[in-house]
Amino acid sequence: MKRLFEIDLKDYKETDSVFRRPSARAVIIRDDKIALVYSKREKYYKFPGGGIHDDEDKKEALAREVREEVGMVVIPESIREFGSVLRRQKSDKAEDTIFEQENYYYFCDVQNELVNQELDAYESEAEFVLKIVDIDTAIRANDIYKSDVLFNEVMIKRELRVLKLLKMSANMRSIAY
């Protein structure tokens, strides 16, 4: 999969241990709009998706995470690569640790019917809901997003850059327009 870009804050020591948490994220285009997770509490948009378990392949994780976060059911044969983003920064959970996350973004289609969300505590606290919005709406919201938590701010700026790339890409135009 091609690398779209990297985010490396270099706010760690090279001798720190590395905690890797790869993730799979869905780009779902519906009727010239994009399906995203919206945090009602924090007022940001993110692509549905999350961590890949040790025993999962990327596409299995994608389908599971999309179902859990937004209640959409991915059609497995529709999954197509978009690109990846590598994120590296000092861990907010463990001292002397680098958080490294390769985020794999995939275009995919979903079934029409929704199922119930299965949010974890963090997602429930952030009040995650499915929103199908014009891409410019998501770009505007993420562009002004600020947080006291650097970890969240870096995540949303990553999503902002991917949204902007999608808007400019032939892939978005050919799928959505």
N, C-alpha and C. Protein backbone atom coordinates (compact mmCIF):
# COMPACT_ATOMS: atom_id res chain seq x y z
N MET A 1 0.85 -1.18 0.00
CA MET A 1 0.00 0.00 0.00
C MET A 1 0.89 1.24 0.00
N LYS A 2 0.52 2.23 -0.80
CA LYS A 2 1.34 3.44 -0.88
C LYS A 2 1.18 4.29 0.38
N ARG A 3 2.26 4.94 0.78
CA ARG A 3 2.25 5.82 1.94
C ARG A 3 1.78 7.19 1.49
N LEU A 4 0.73 7.70 2.10
CA LEU A 4 0.18 9.02 1.77
C LEU A 4 1.05 10.12 2.37
N PHE A 5 1.40 9.97 3.65
CA PHE A 5 2.29 10.90 4.34
C PHE A 5 2.65 10.33 5.70
N GLU A 6 3.57 11.00 6.40
CA GLU A 6 3.97 10.61 7.75
C GLU A 6 3.79 11.79 8.69
N ILE A 7 3.46 11.47 9.92
CA ILE A 7 3.45 12.46 11.00
C ILE A 7 4.41 11.93 12.05
N ASP A 8 5.49 12.64 12.29
CA ASP A 8 6.46 12.23 13.31
C ASP A 8 6.80 13.46 14.14
N LEU A 9 6.29 13.49 15.36
CA LEU A 9 6.51 14.66 16.22
C LEU A 9 7.94 14.72 16.76
N LYS A 10 8.65 13.60 16.71
CA LYS A 10 10.03 13.54 17.21
C LYS A 10 10.14 14.10 18.64
N ASP A 11 9.10 13.85 19.43
CA ASP A 11 9.04 14.33 20.81
C ASP A 11 9.43 13.23 21.81
N TYR A 12 10.21 12.29 21.36
CA TYR A 12 10.62 11.13 22.14
C TYR A 12 12.13 10.94 22.00
N LYS A 13 12.66 10.04 22.81
CA LYS A 13 14.07 9.68 22.69
C LYS A 13 14.19 8.47 21.77
N GLU A 14 15.21 8.47 20.94
CA GLU A 14 15.42 7.35 20.02
C GLU A 14 15.61 6.03 20.77
N THR A 15 16.01 6.11 22.04
CA THR A 15 16.23 4.89 22.84
C THR A 15 14.94 4.38 23.48
N ASP A 16 13.84 5.13 23.37
CA ASP A 16 12.56 4.69 23.93
C ASP A 16 12.10 3.42 23.22
N SER A 17 11.34 2.61 23.96
CA SER A 17 10.75 1.42 23.32
C SER A 17 9.60 1.86 22.42
N VAL A 18 9.25 1.01 21.48
CA VAL A 18 8.20 1.34 20.51
C VAL A 18 6.98 0.46 20.75
N PHE A 19 5.83 1.10 20.90
CA PHE A 19 4.55 0.40 20.98
C PHE A 19 3.85 0.61 19.64
N ARG A 20 3.63 -0.49 18.92
CA ARG A 20 2.99 -0.40 17.59
C ARG A 20 1.52 -0.79 17.70
N ARG A 21 0.68 0.04 17.11
CA ARG A 21 -0.76 -0.22 17.10
C ARG A 21 -1.31 0.10 15.71
N PRO A 22 -1.17 -0.82 14.76
CA PRO A 22 -1.69 -0.56 13.42
C PRO A 22 -3.21 -0.46 13.44
N SER A 23 -3.75 0.28 12.48
CA SER A 23 -5.20 0.43 12.41
C SER A 23 -5.67 0.37 10.96
N ALA A 24 -6.95 0.06 10.81
CA ALA A 24 -7.60 0.04 9.50
C ALA A 24 -8.75 1.04 9.55
N ARG A 25 -8.87 1.88 8.50
CA ARG A 25 -9.87 2.95 8.48
C ARG A 25 -10.62 2.93 7.15
N ALA A 26 -11.92 3.20 7.23
CA ALA A 26 -12.79 3.09 6.06
C ALA A 26 -13.11 4.44 5.45
N VAL A 27 -13.04 4.48 4.12
CA VAL A 27 -13.49 5.63 3.34
C VAL A 27 -14.76 5.16 2.63
N ILE A 28 -15.90 5.64 3.12
CA ILE A 28 -17.20 5.19 2.61
C ILE A 28 -17.90 6.39 1.97
N ILE A 29 -18.06 6.32 0.66
CA ILE A 29 -18.68 7.41 -0.10
C ILE A 29 -20.12 7.00 -0.43
N ARG A 30 -21.06 7.89 -0.11
CA ARG A 30 -22.48 7.63 -0.41
C ARG A 30 -23.12 8.88 -0.97
N ASP A 31 -23.59 8.81 -2.19
CA ASP A 31 -24.32 9.93 -2.79
C ASP A 31 -23.59 11.26 -2.64
N ASP A 32 -22.34 11.33 -3.10
CA ASP A 32 -21.52 12.54 -3.05
C ASP A 32 -21.19 13.00 -1.63
N LYS A 33 -21.41 12.16 -0.65
CA LYS A 33 -21.08 12.50 0.74
C LYS A 33 -20.18 11.40 1.30
N ILE A 34 -19.65 11.65 2.48
CA ILE A 34 -18.74 10.69 3.10
C ILE A 34 -19.29 10.29 4.47
N ALA A 35 -19.23 9.00 4.78
CA ALA A 35 -19.70 8.48 6.06
C ALA A 35 -18.54 8.54 7.05
N LEU A 36 -18.75 9.25 8.16
CA LEU A 36 -17.70 9.43 9.15
C LEU A 36 -18.25 9.24 10.56
N VAL A 37 -17.36 9.03 11.49
CA VAL A 37 -17.69 9.05 12.91
C VAL A 37 -17.65 10.52 13.32
N TYR A 38 -18.68 10.97 14.04
CA TYR A 38 -18.68 12.33 14.58
C TYR A 38 -18.71 12.23 16.09
N SER A 39 -17.81 12.97 16.75
CA SER A 39 -17.82 13.05 18.20
C SER A 39 -18.68 14.24 18.60
N LYS A 40 -19.86 13.95 19.15
CA LYS A 40 -20.76 15.04 19.56
C LYS A 40 -20.14 15.84 20.71
N ARG A 41 -19.34 15.18 21.51
CA ARG A 41 -18.71 15.87 22.65
C ARG A 41 -17.55 16.76 22.22
N GLU A 42 -16.68 16.22 21.35
CA GLU A 42 -15.46 16.93 20.95
C GLU A 42 -15.61 17.74 19.65
N LYS A 43 -16.67 17.47 18.89
CA LYS A 43 -16.96 18.22 17.64
C LYS A 43 -15.93 17.98 16.54
N TYR A 44 -15.52 16.72 16.35
CA TYR A 44 -14.62 16.38 15.25
C TYR A 44 -15.19 15.21 14.46
N TYR A 45 -14.63 15.02 13.27
CA TYR A 45 -14.97 13.88 12.42
C TYR A 45 -13.73 13.00 12.29
N LYS A 46 -13.95 11.69 12.24
CA LYS A 46 -12.87 10.75 11.97
C LYS A 46 -13.41 9.63 11.10
N PHE A 47 -12.49 8.96 10.41
CA PHE A 47 -12.88 7.82 9.59
C PHE A 47 -13.21 6.65 10.50
N PRO A 48 -14.28 5.90 10.20
CA PRO A 48 -14.57 4.72 11.00
C PRO A 48 -13.40 3.74 10.90
N GLY A 49 -13.01 3.21 12.03
CA GLY A 49 -11.90 2.26 12.03
C GLY A 49 -11.18 2.29 13.35
N GLY A 50 -10.20 1.41 13.46
CA GLY A 50 -9.43 1.35 14.69
C GLY A 50 -8.40 0.24 14.64
N GLY A 51 -7.97 -0.14 15.82
CA GLY A 51 -6.85 -1.06 15.96
C GLY A 51 -7.07 -2.43 15.37
N ILE A 52 -5.98 -2.96 14.82
CA ILE A 52 -5.97 -4.31 14.25
C ILE A 52 -5.46 -5.26 15.33
N HIS A 53 -6.27 -6.25 15.68
CA HIS A 53 -5.84 -7.25 16.67
C HIS A 53 -4.77 -8.15 16.07
N ASP A 54 -3.97 -8.77 16.96
CA ASP A 54 -2.86 -9.63 16.51
C ASP A 54 -3.31 -10.74 15.58
N ASP A 55 -4.51 -11.28 15.80
CA ASP A 55 -4.98 -12.42 15.02
C ASP A 55 -5.83 -12.04 13.81
N GLU A 56 -5.90 -10.75 13.49
CA GLU A 56 -6.73 -10.28 12.39
C GLU A 56 -5.90 -9.82 11.20
N ASP A 57 -6.47 -9.95 10.01
CA ASP A 57 -5.85 -9.26 8.89
C ASP A 57 -6.50 -7.87 8.80
N LYS A 58 -5.93 -7.01 8.00
CA LYS A 58 -6.37 -5.62 7.94
C LYS A 58 -7.83 -5.49 7.53
N LYS A 59 -8.25 -6.27 6.55
CA LYS A 59 -9.62 -6.16 6.04
C LYS A 59 -10.64 -6.68 7.05
N GLU A 60 -10.29 -7.72 7.80
CA GLU A 60 -11.18 -8.20 8.88
C GLU A 60 -11.33 -7.13 9.95
N ALA A 61 -10.22 -6.50 10.32
CA ALA A 61 -10.26 -5.44 11.33
C ALA A 61 -11.11 -4.26 10.84
N LEU A 62 -10.96 -3.91 9.57
CA LEU A 62 -11.74 -2.83 8.98
C LEU A 62 -13.23 -3.10 9.14
N ALA A 63 -13.66 -4.28 8.73
CA ALA A 63 -15.08 -4.62 8.81
C ALA A 63 -15.58 -4.61 10.25
N ARG A 64 -14.79 -5.16 11.17
CA ARG A 64 -15.18 -5.20 12.59
C ARG A 64 -15.30 -3.79 13.16
N GLU A 65 -14.29 -2.98 12.93
CA GLU A 65 -14.28 -1.63 13.48
C GLU A 65 -15.40 -0.75 12.92
N VAL A 66 -15.67 -0.86 11.63
CA VAL A 66 -16.76 -0.07 11.03
C VAL A 66 -18.09 -0.48 11.66
N ARG A 67 -18.30 -1.79 11.80
CA ARG A 67 -19.54 -2.28 12.42
C ARG A 67 -19.66 -1.75 13.86
N GLU A 68 -18.58 -1.84 14.63
CA GLU A 68 -18.64 -1.42 16.03
C GLU A 68 -18.86 0.09 16.17
N GLU A 69 -18.13 0.88 15.40
CA GLU A 69 -18.16 2.33 15.59
C GLU A 69 -19.39 3.01 15.01
N VAL A 70 -19.85 2.57 13.83
CA VAL A 70 -20.96 3.27 13.19
C VAL A 70 -22.13 2.37 12.80
N GLY A 71 -22.03 1.06 13.05
CA GLY A 71 -23.14 0.17 12.74
C GLY A 71 -23.33 -0.13 11.27
N MET A 72 -22.32 0.15 10.45
CA MET A 72 -22.39 -0.17 9.03
C MET A 72 -21.71 -1.51 8.79
N VAL A 73 -22.24 -2.27 7.82
CA VAL A 73 -21.68 -3.59 7.51
C VAL A 73 -20.95 -3.49 6.17
N VAL A 74 -19.63 -3.67 6.23
CA VAL A 74 -18.78 -3.58 5.04
C VAL A 74 -19.02 -4.79 4.14
N ILE A 75 -19.08 -4.54 2.84
CA ILE A 75 -19.15 -5.61 1.84
C ILE A 75 -17.71 -5.99 1.51
N PRO A 76 -17.25 -7.16 1.99
CA PRO A 76 -15.82 -7.51 1.90
C PRO A 76 -15.21 -7.39 0.50
N GLU A 77 -15.93 -7.82 -0.53
CA GLU A 77 -15.35 -7.79 -1.88
C GLU A 77 -15.24 -6.38 -2.45
N SER A 78 -15.78 -5.39 -1.75
CA SER A 78 -15.71 -4.00 -2.23
C SER A 78 -14.47 -3.26 -1.72
N ILE A 79 -13.72 -3.86 -0.82
CA ILE A 79 -12.59 -3.17 -0.16
C ILE A 79 -11.46 -2.94 -1.17
N ARG A 80 -11.02 -1.66 -1.26
CA ARG A 80 -9.94 -1.26 -2.17
C ARG A 80 -8.97 -0.33 -1.43
N GLU A 81 -7.70 -0.49 -1.67
CA GLU A 81 -6.68 0.32 -0.99
C GLU A 81 -6.75 1.79 -1.41
N PHE A 82 -6.56 2.67 -0.42
CA PHE A 82 -6.35 4.09 -0.71
C PHE A 82 -4.91 4.47 -0.39
N GLY A 83 -4.46 4.19 0.82
CA GLY A 83 -3.09 4.49 1.21
C GLY A 83 -2.95 4.45 2.72
N SER A 84 -1.71 4.63 3.19
CA SER A 84 -1.46 4.57 4.63
C SER A 84 -0.81 5.87 5.13
N VAL A 85 -0.95 6.07 6.43
CA VAL A 85 -0.32 7.20 7.11
C VAL A 85 0.38 6.65 8.34
N LEU A 86 1.67 6.95 8.45
CA LEU A 86 2.44 6.54 9.62
C LEU A 86 2.46 7.69 10.61
N ARG A 87 2.12 7.37 11.86
CA ARG A 87 2.11 8.38 12.94
C ARG A 87 3.05 7.89 14.03
N ARG A 88 3.98 8.79 14.45
CA ARG A 88 4.91 8.48 15.54
C ARG A 88 4.95 9.67 16.49
N GLN A 89 4.80 9.37 17.77
CA GLN A 89 4.91 10.41 18.79
C GLN A 89 5.11 9.75 20.15
N LYS A 90 5.48 10.55 21.12
CA LYS A 90 5.65 10.05 22.48
C LYS A 90 4.31 9.51 22.96
N SER A 91 4.33 8.35 23.58
CA SER A 91 3.11 7.74 24.08
C SER A 91 2.51 8.60 25.19
N ASP A 92 1.18 8.68 25.22
CA ASP A 92 0.51 9.38 26.30
C ASP A 92 0.14 8.42 27.43
N LYS A 93 0.48 7.14 27.27
CA LYS A 93 0.10 6.13 28.26
C LYS A 93 1.28 5.49 28.99
N ALA A 94 2.45 5.43 28.33
CA ALA A 94 3.59 4.73 28.92
C ALA A 94 4.85 5.60 28.82
N GLU A 95 5.54 5.72 29.92
CA GLU A 95 6.79 6.49 29.96
C GLU A 95 7.84 5.82 29.10
N ASP A 96 8.72 6.61 28.51
CA ASP A 96 9.83 6.11 27.69
C ASP A 96 9.36 5.18 26.56
N THR A 97 8.22 5.54 25.96
CA THR A 97 7.64 4.72 24.90
C THR A 97 7.21 5.61 23.74
N ILE A 98 7.48 5.12 22.54
CA ILE A 98 7.04 5.78 21.31
C ILE A 98 5.75 5.08 20.86
N PHE A 99 4.72 5.86 20.57
CA PHE A 99 3.50 5.34 19.98
C PHE A 99 3.66 5.40 18.47
N GLU A 100 3.60 4.24 17.82
CA GLU A 100 3.73 4.18 16.37
C GLU A 100 2.49 3.51 15.80
N GLN A 101 1.85 4.22 14.88
CA GLN A 101 0.62 3.68 14.30
C GLN A 101 0.63 3.85 12.80
N GLU A 102 0.60 2.71 12.10
CA GLU A 102 0.40 2.73 10.65
C GLU A 102 -1.11 2.64 10.45
N ASN A 103 -1.68 3.67 9.83
CA ASN A 103 -3.11 3.74 9.58
C ASN A 103 -3.36 3.37 8.13
N TYR A 104 -4.06 2.26 7.91
CA TYR A 104 -4.34 1.78 6.56
C TYR A 104 -5.75 2.22 6.16
N TYR A 105 -5.85 3.05 5.13
CA TYR A 105 -7.14 3.58 4.67
C TYR A 105 -7.60 2.79 3.45
N TYR A 106 -8.88 2.38 3.49
CA TYR A 106 -9.48 1.59 2.41
C TYR A 106 -10.80 2.22 1.97
N PHE A 107 -11.02 2.29 0.67
CA PHE A 107 -12.36 2.57 0.15
C PHE A 107 -13.16 1.30 0.34
N CYS A 108 -14.44 1.42 0.66
CA CYS A 108 -15.31 0.25 0.73
C CYS A 108 -16.77 0.67 0.62
N ASP A 109 -17.58 -0.30 0.25
CA ASP A 109 -19.02 -0.12 0.19
C ASP A 109 -19.63 -0.84 1.38
N VAL A 110 -20.83 -0.42 1.75
CA VAL A 110 -21.51 -1.02 2.89
C VAL A 110 -22.94 -1.40 2.50
N GLN A 111 -23.50 -2.32 3.28
CA GLN A 111 -24.90 -2.70 3.08
C GLN A 111 -25.79 -1.52 3.46
N ASN A 112 -27.03 -1.53 3.00
CA ASN A 112 -27.95 -0.43 3.29
C ASN A 112 -28.44 -0.42 4.73
N GLU A 113 -28.62 -1.59 5.34
CA GLU A 113 -29.13 -1.66 6.70
C GLU A 113 -28.02 -1.43 7.72
N LEU A 114 -28.37 -0.75 8.80
CA LEU A 114 -27.43 -0.51 9.90
C LEU A 114 -27.68 -1.53 11.00
N VAL A 115 -26.63 -1.82 11.77
CA VAL A 115 -26.74 -2.64 12.97
C VAL A 115 -26.39 -1.75 14.17
N ASN A 116 -26.58 -2.26 15.37
CA ASN A 116 -26.28 -1.46 16.56
C ASN A 116 -24.78 -1.23 16.71
N GLN A 117 -24.43 -0.02 17.15
CA GLN A 117 -23.03 0.28 17.48
C GLN A 117 -22.61 -0.55 18.69
N GLU A 118 -21.32 -0.81 18.80
CA GLU A 118 -20.74 -1.48 19.96
C GLU A 118 -19.54 -0.66 20.41
N LEU A 119 -19.80 0.47 21.06
CA LEU A 119 -18.75 1.41 21.42
C LEU A 119 -18.04 0.99 22.69
N ASP A 120 -16.72 1.25 22.74
CA ASP A 120 -15.98 1.04 23.98
C ASP A 120 -16.16 2.29 24.85
N ALA A 121 -15.58 2.30 26.04
CA ALA A 121 -15.79 3.39 26.99
C ALA A 121 -15.35 4.74 26.42
N TYR A 122 -14.17 4.78 25.78
CA TYR A 122 -13.66 6.02 25.20
C TYR A 122 -14.60 6.55 24.12
N GLU A 123 -15.09 5.65 23.28
CA GLU A 123 -15.97 6.05 22.18
C GLU A 123 -17.32 6.53 22.69
N SER A 124 -17.84 5.87 23.73
CA SER A 124 -19.10 6.30 24.34
C SER A 124 -18.95 7.67 24.99
N GLU A 125 -17.84 7.86 25.68
CA GLU A 125 -17.57 9.15 26.33
C GLU A 125 -17.47 10.27 25.31
N ALA A 126 -16.87 9.98 24.15
CA ALA A 126 -16.74 10.97 23.08
C ALA A 126 -18.06 11.15 22.32
N GLU A 127 -19.05 10.29 22.63
CA GLU A 127 -20.37 10.33 22.00
C GLU A 127 -20.28 10.17 20.48
N PHE A 128 -19.69 9.04 20.06
CA PHE A 128 -19.54 8.74 18.64
C PHE A 128 -20.89 8.43 18.00
N VAL A 129 -21.16 9.08 16.88
CA VAL A 129 -22.35 8.80 16.07
C VAL A 129 -21.93 8.78 14.60
N LEU A 130 -22.72 8.10 13.80
CA LEU A 130 -22.51 8.10 12.35
C LEU A 130 -23.09 9.38 11.77
N LYS A 131 -22.30 10.04 10.93
CA LYS A 131 -22.77 11.19 10.16
C LYS A 131 -22.35 10.99 8.71
N ILE A 132 -23.27 11.22 7.81
CA ILE A 132 -22.96 11.19 6.38
C ILE A 132 -23.05 12.63 5.92
N VAL A 133 -21.89 13.21 5.63
CA VAL A 133 -21.80 14.66 5.40
C VAL A 133 -21.03 14.99 4.13
N ASP A 134 -21.21 16.19 3.68
CA ASP A 134 -20.38 16.75 2.61
C ASP A 134 -18.94 16.82 3.13
N ILE A 135 -17.98 16.47 2.32
CA ILE A 135 -16.59 16.43 2.77
C ILE A 135 -16.12 17.79 3.29
N ASP A 136 -16.63 18.89 2.72
CA ASP A 136 -16.23 20.22 3.19
C ASP A 136 -16.70 20.49 4.61
N THR A 137 -17.82 19.93 5.00
CA THR A 137 -18.30 20.08 6.38
C THR A 137 -17.30 19.45 7.35
N ALA A 138 -16.83 18.26 7.03
CA ALA A 138 -15.86 17.58 7.89
C ALA A 138 -14.53 18.32 7.90
N ILE A 139 -14.11 18.80 6.75
CA ILE A 139 -12.84 19.55 6.68
C ILE A 139 -12.92 20.80 7.54
N ARG A 140 -14.01 21.55 7.45
CA ARG A 140 -14.16 22.77 8.26
C ARG A 140 -14.12 22.48 9.76
N ALA A 141 -14.85 21.45 10.18
CA ALA A 141 -14.90 21.10 11.61
C ALA A 141 -13.52 20.69 12.11
N ASN A 142 -12.82 19.83 11.36
CA ASN A 142 -11.51 19.36 11.81
C ASN A 142 -10.46 20.45 11.72
N ASP A 143 -10.64 21.38 10.80
CA ASP A 143 -9.68 22.47 10.64
C ASP A 143 -9.66 23.39 11.86
N ILE A 144 -10.80 23.57 12.52
CA ILE A 144 -10.85 24.45 13.69
C ILE A 144 -10.74 23.69 15.01
N TYR A 145 -10.68 22.37 14.95
CA TYR A 145 -10.63 21.55 16.16
C TYR A 145 -9.37 21.84 16.98
N LYS A 146 -9.57 22.05 18.25
CA LYS A 146 -8.46 22.22 19.21
C LYS A 146 -8.75 21.35 20.42
N SER A 147 -7.69 20.84 21.02
CA SER A 147 -7.84 20.00 22.20
C SER A 147 -6.69 20.27 23.16
N ASP A 148 -6.97 20.11 24.43
CA ASP A 148 -5.91 20.18 25.44
C ASP A 148 -5.09 18.90 25.42
N VAL A 149 -5.60 17.88 24.74
CA VAL A 149 -4.94 16.59 24.65
C VAL A 149 -4.23 16.50 23.30
N LEU A 150 -2.90 16.63 23.32
CA LEU A 150 -2.11 16.61 22.10
C LEU A 150 -2.38 15.35 21.28
N PHE A 151 -2.53 14.22 21.95
CA PHE A 151 -2.76 12.95 21.26
C PHE A 151 -3.99 13.05 20.36
N ASN A 152 -5.08 13.61 20.87
CA ASN A 152 -6.32 13.76 20.08
C ASN A 152 -6.12 14.77 18.95
N GLU A 153 -5.43 15.84 19.24
CA GLU A 153 -5.24 16.87 18.22
C GLU A 153 -4.44 16.32 17.03
N VAL A 154 -3.42 15.53 17.30
CA VAL A 154 -2.62 14.93 16.22
C VAL A 154 -3.49 13.97 15.40
N MET A 155 -4.33 13.19 16.08
CA MET A 155 -5.21 12.26 15.36
C MET A 155 -6.15 13.02 14.42
N ILE A 156 -6.74 14.10 14.88
CA ILE A 156 -7.70 14.84 14.06
C ILE A 156 -7.00 15.60 12.94
N LYS A 157 -5.81 16.09 13.17
CA LYS A 157 -5.06 16.73 12.08
C LYS A 157 -4.67 15.71 11.01
N ARG A 158 -4.41 14.46 11.42
CA ARG A 158 -4.17 13.39 10.46
C ARG A 158 -5.42 13.17 9.60
N GLU A 159 -6.56 13.08 10.24
CA GLU A 159 -7.81 12.87 9.51
C GLU A 159 -8.11 14.05 8.59
N LEU A 160 -7.79 15.25 9.04
CA LEU A 160 -7.98 16.44 8.20
C LEU A 160 -7.14 16.33 6.93
N ARG A 161 -5.89 15.94 7.07
CA ARG A 161 -5.02 15.81 5.88
C ARG A 161 -5.54 14.76 4.92
N VAL A 162 -6.05 13.64 5.46
CA VAL A 162 -6.59 12.59 4.59
C VAL A 162 -7.85 13.09 3.89
N LEU A 163 -8.71 13.80 4.60
CA LEU A 163 -9.91 14.37 3.98
C LEU A 163 -9.53 15.30 2.83
N LYS A 164 -8.54 16.14 3.05
CA LYS A 164 -8.11 17.06 1.99
C LYS A 164 -7.53 16.30 0.79
N LEU A 165 -6.76 15.24 1.06
CA LEU A 165 -6.23 14.43 -0.03
C LEU A 165 -7.36 13.78 -0.83
N LEU A 166 -8.36 13.28 -0.13
CA LEU A 166 -9.51 12.67 -0.80
C LEU A 166 -10.23 13.67 -1.68
N LYS A 167 -10.40 14.84 -1.15
CA LYS A 167 -11.11 15.87 -1.91
C LYS A 167 -10.38 16.17 -3.22
N MET A 168 -9.07 16.15 -3.18
CA MET A 168 -8.27 16.48 -4.35
C MET A 168 -8.05 15.29 -5.28
N SER A 169 -8.27 14.09 -4.79
CA SER A 169 -7.88 12.90 -5.56
C SER A 169 -8.89 12.52 -6.63
N ALA A 170 -8.38 11.90 -7.64
CA ALA A 170 -9.24 11.36 -8.71
C ALA A 170 -10.12 10.25 -8.15
N ASN A 171 -9.62 9.54 -7.14
CA ASN A 171 -10.40 8.46 -6.54
C ASN A 171 -11.72 8.97 -5.97
N MET A 172 -11.66 10.07 -5.24
CA MET A 172 -12.88 10.63 -4.65
C MET A 172 -13.83 11.07 -5.76
N ARG A 173 -13.31 11.74 -6.75
CA ARG A 173 -14.18 12.22 -7.84
C ARG A 173 -14.81 11.07 -8.60
N SER A 174 -14.03 10.03 -8.86
CA SER A 174 -14.58 8.93 -9.65
C SER A 174 -15.57 8.11 -8.84
N ILE A 175 -15.39 8.06 -7.54
CA ILE A 175 -16.31 7.28 -6.70
C ILE A 175 -17.53 8.13 -6.35
N ALA A 176 -17.30 9.40 -6.01
CA ALA A 176 -18.38 10.21 -5.46
C ALA A 176 -19.09 11.07 -6.46
N TYR A 177 -18.47 11.40 -7.57
CA TYR A 177 -19.10 12.39 -8.46
C TYR A 177 -19.46 11.84 -9.80
